Amino acid sequence: MYYYGHKKRRPTHYFKITGFGGEISYKGFETYYGKIRLEDVLWNRKRVLRVYRNINLKLRVKRKRRIPCRIKEKLIVPGTVNETWSIDFTSDALSNGRRFRVLNIIDDYNREALINEAFYSIPSIRLVQRLK
């Protein structure tokens, strides 16, 4: 029985894509396919993709870099009052839309709030004064 064997020849898209290779080699298949479509040449998308892969122009998929797990340490338990403090800033808005911030300083030993002050802005000079 006789079967027709097609000749191994490179399609014209092969030469088109390799021609684009020098100028947009880092942009991916969609850019190549878009360039070919802009030239009013109606080639099958799957066939162009197959040629694109055969030429080895496909972009390398970058793997997400794993961040090593943080070593968990136990929190320091203060032994006396005023040994360690925690500072927190909270923010909210008034009914007229103006924002304000609240400075909270808490003693870690007895969870007592040492300072709760609200300001429209808290510059570093004011923060240092409150900590003294």
Protein backbone atom coordinates (compact mmCIF):
# COMPACT_ATOMS: atom_id res chain seq x y z
CA MET A 1 0.00 0.00 0.00
CA TYR A 2 1.31 3.46 -0.90
CA TYR A 3 1.14 6.46 1.43
CA TYR A 4 1.98 9.95 0.30
CA GLY A 5 4.96 11.21 2.24
CA HIS A 6 5.12 14.99 2.42
CA LYS A 7 8.46 16.61 1.80
CA LYS A 8 10.30 17.91 4.83
CA ARG A 9 10.47 21.59 4.11
CA ARG A 10 10.48 24.53 6.39
CA PRO A 11 7.36 26.67 6.27
CA THR A 12 7.65 30.33 5.40
CA HIS A 13 6.72 31.26 8.98
CA TYR A 14 10.04 29.73 10.06
CA PHE A 15 11.97 32.38 8.18
CA LYS A 16 9.60 35.13 9.28
CA ILE A 17 10.03 34.25 12.95
CA THR A 18 13.81 33.92 12.70
CA GLY A 19 13.84 37.33 11.02
CA PHE A 20 12.10 38.82 14.06
CA GLY A 21 14.42 36.93 16.39
CA GLY A 22 17.11 39.58 16.53
CA GLU A 23 14.86 42.44 17.49
CA ILE A 24 12.33 40.88 19.92
CA SER A 25 13.88 37.67 21.18
CA TYR A 26 12.98 38.39 24.81
CA LYS A 27 9.28 39.19 24.45
CA GLY A 28 7.62 35.81 24.02
CA PHE A 29 5.37 34.10 21.52
CA GLU A 30 2.51 36.60 21.67
CA THR A 31 4.76 39.36 20.34
CA TYR A 32 5.99 37.21 17.46
CA TYR A 33 2.49 36.16 16.55
CA GLY A 34 1.25 39.73 16.74
CA LYS A 35 4.04 40.91 14.42
CA ILE A 36 3.14 38.23 11.89
CA ARG A 37 -0.56 39.17 12.06
CA LEU A 38 0.30 42.85 11.54
CA GLU A 39 1.86 41.93 8.22
CA ASP A 40 -1.58 40.69 7.06
CA VAL A 41 -0.38 37.10 6.87
CA LEU A 42 -3.02 34.68 8.17
CA TRP A 43 -1.09 31.74 9.56
CA ASN A 44 -2.48 29.23 11.99
CA ARG A 45 -1.60 30.13 15.57
CA LYS A 46 -0.79 26.54 16.56
CA ARG A 47 1.55 26.09 13.64
CA VAL A 48 3.40 29.31 14.38
CA LEU A 49 3.69 28.23 18.02
CA ARG A 50 5.14 24.87 16.99
CA VAL A 51 7.74 26.59 14.80
CA TYR A 52 8.49 29.05 17.62
CA ARG A 53 9.19 26.15 19.97
CA ASN A 54 11.29 24.25 17.42
CA ILE A 55 13.57 27.26 16.96
CA ASN A 56 14.06 27.32 20.77
CA LEU A 57 12.98 30.92 21.15
CA LYS A 58 10.68 30.14 24.06
CA LEU A 59 11.32 32.10 27.20
CA ARG A 60 12.67 30.43 30.30
CA VAL A 61 10.14 30.31 33.12
CA LYS A 62 11.73 31.83 36.20
CA ARG A 63 11.06 29.86 39.35
CA LYS A 64 9.96 31.63 42.48
CA ARG A 65 12.88 31.95 44.85
CA ARG A 66 12.11 30.31 48.16
CA ILE A 67 12.76 32.34 51.26
CA PRO A 68 14.11 30.20 54.09
CA CYS A 69 11.82 29.79 57.06
CA ARG A 70 12.38 32.18 59.91
CA ILE A 71 13.65 30.62 63.12
CA LYS A 72 10.97 31.19 65.73
CA GLU A 73 12.22 32.59 69.00
CA LYS A 74 10.27 32.94 72.19
CA LEU A 75 9.28 36.45 73.23
CA ILE A 76 11.16 38.03 76.09
CA VAL A 77 9.05 38.11 79.26
CA PRO A 78 9.81 41.31 81.19
CA GLY A 79 10.64 40.88 84.87
CA THR A 80 9.68 44.33 86.17
CA VAL A 81 7.63 47.39 85.27
CA ASN A 82 9.13 49.76 82.62
CA GLU A 83 11.65 47.18 81.44
CA THR A 84 10.22 46.90 77.90
CA TRP A 85 7.64 48.94 76.04
CA SER A 86 5.66 48.38 72.88
CA ILE A 87 4.92 51.25 70.49
CA ASP A 88 2.01 51.24 68.06
CA PHE A 89 0.60 53.79 65.64
CA THR A 90 -3.05 53.64 64.66
CA SER A 91 -4.75 55.81 62.07
CA ASP A 92 -8.33 56.86 61.36
CA ALA A 93 -10.28 59.63 59.65
CA LEU A 94 -12.67 62.24 60.98
CA SER A 95 -16.10 62.85 59.49
CA ASN A 96 -14.69 65.73 57.42
CA GLY A 97 -12.12 63.36 55.87
CA ARG A 98 -9.05 64.61 57.73
CA ARG A 99 -6.81 61.80 58.94
CA PHE A 100 -5.29 61.58 62.40
CA ARG A 101 -2.87 59.21 64.06
CA VAL A 102 -2.76 57.89 67.61
CA LEU A 103 0.52 57.08 69.35
CA ASN A 104 0.16 54.18 71.81
CA ILE A 105 2.95 53.22 74.21
CA ILE A 106 2.24 50.16 76.35
CA ASP A 107 4.24 48.61 79.18
CA ASP A 108 4.78 44.92 78.40
CA TYR A 109 4.93 43.76 82.03
CA ASN A 110 1.46 44.81 83.18
CA ARG A 111 -0.08 45.80 79.79
CA GLU A 112 -0.73 49.31 81.07
CA ALA A 113 -1.12 52.08 78.49
CA LEU A 114 1.51 54.69 79.30
CA ILE A 115 0.70 57.14 76.49
CA ASN A 116 -2.28 57.45 74.13
CA GLU A 117 -2.01 60.69 72.18
CA ALA A 118 -3.74 61.69 68.98
CA PHE A 119 -2.17 64.08 66.45
CA TYR A 120 -2.72 65.00 62.84
CA SER A 121 0.93 64.13 62.27
CA ILE A 122 3.56 62.60 64.51
CA PRO A 123 7.04 63.82 63.54
CA SER A 124 10.07 61.99 64.87
CA ILE A 125 10.99 64.87 67.22
CA ARG A 126 7.63 64.56 69.01
CA LEU A 127 8.03 60.78 69.23
CA VAL A 128 11.48 61.08 70.81
CA GLN A 129 10.13 63.63 73.33
CA ARG A 130 7.35 61.24 74.36
CA LEU A 131 9.76 58.33 74.77
CA LYS A 132 11.96 60.34 77.15
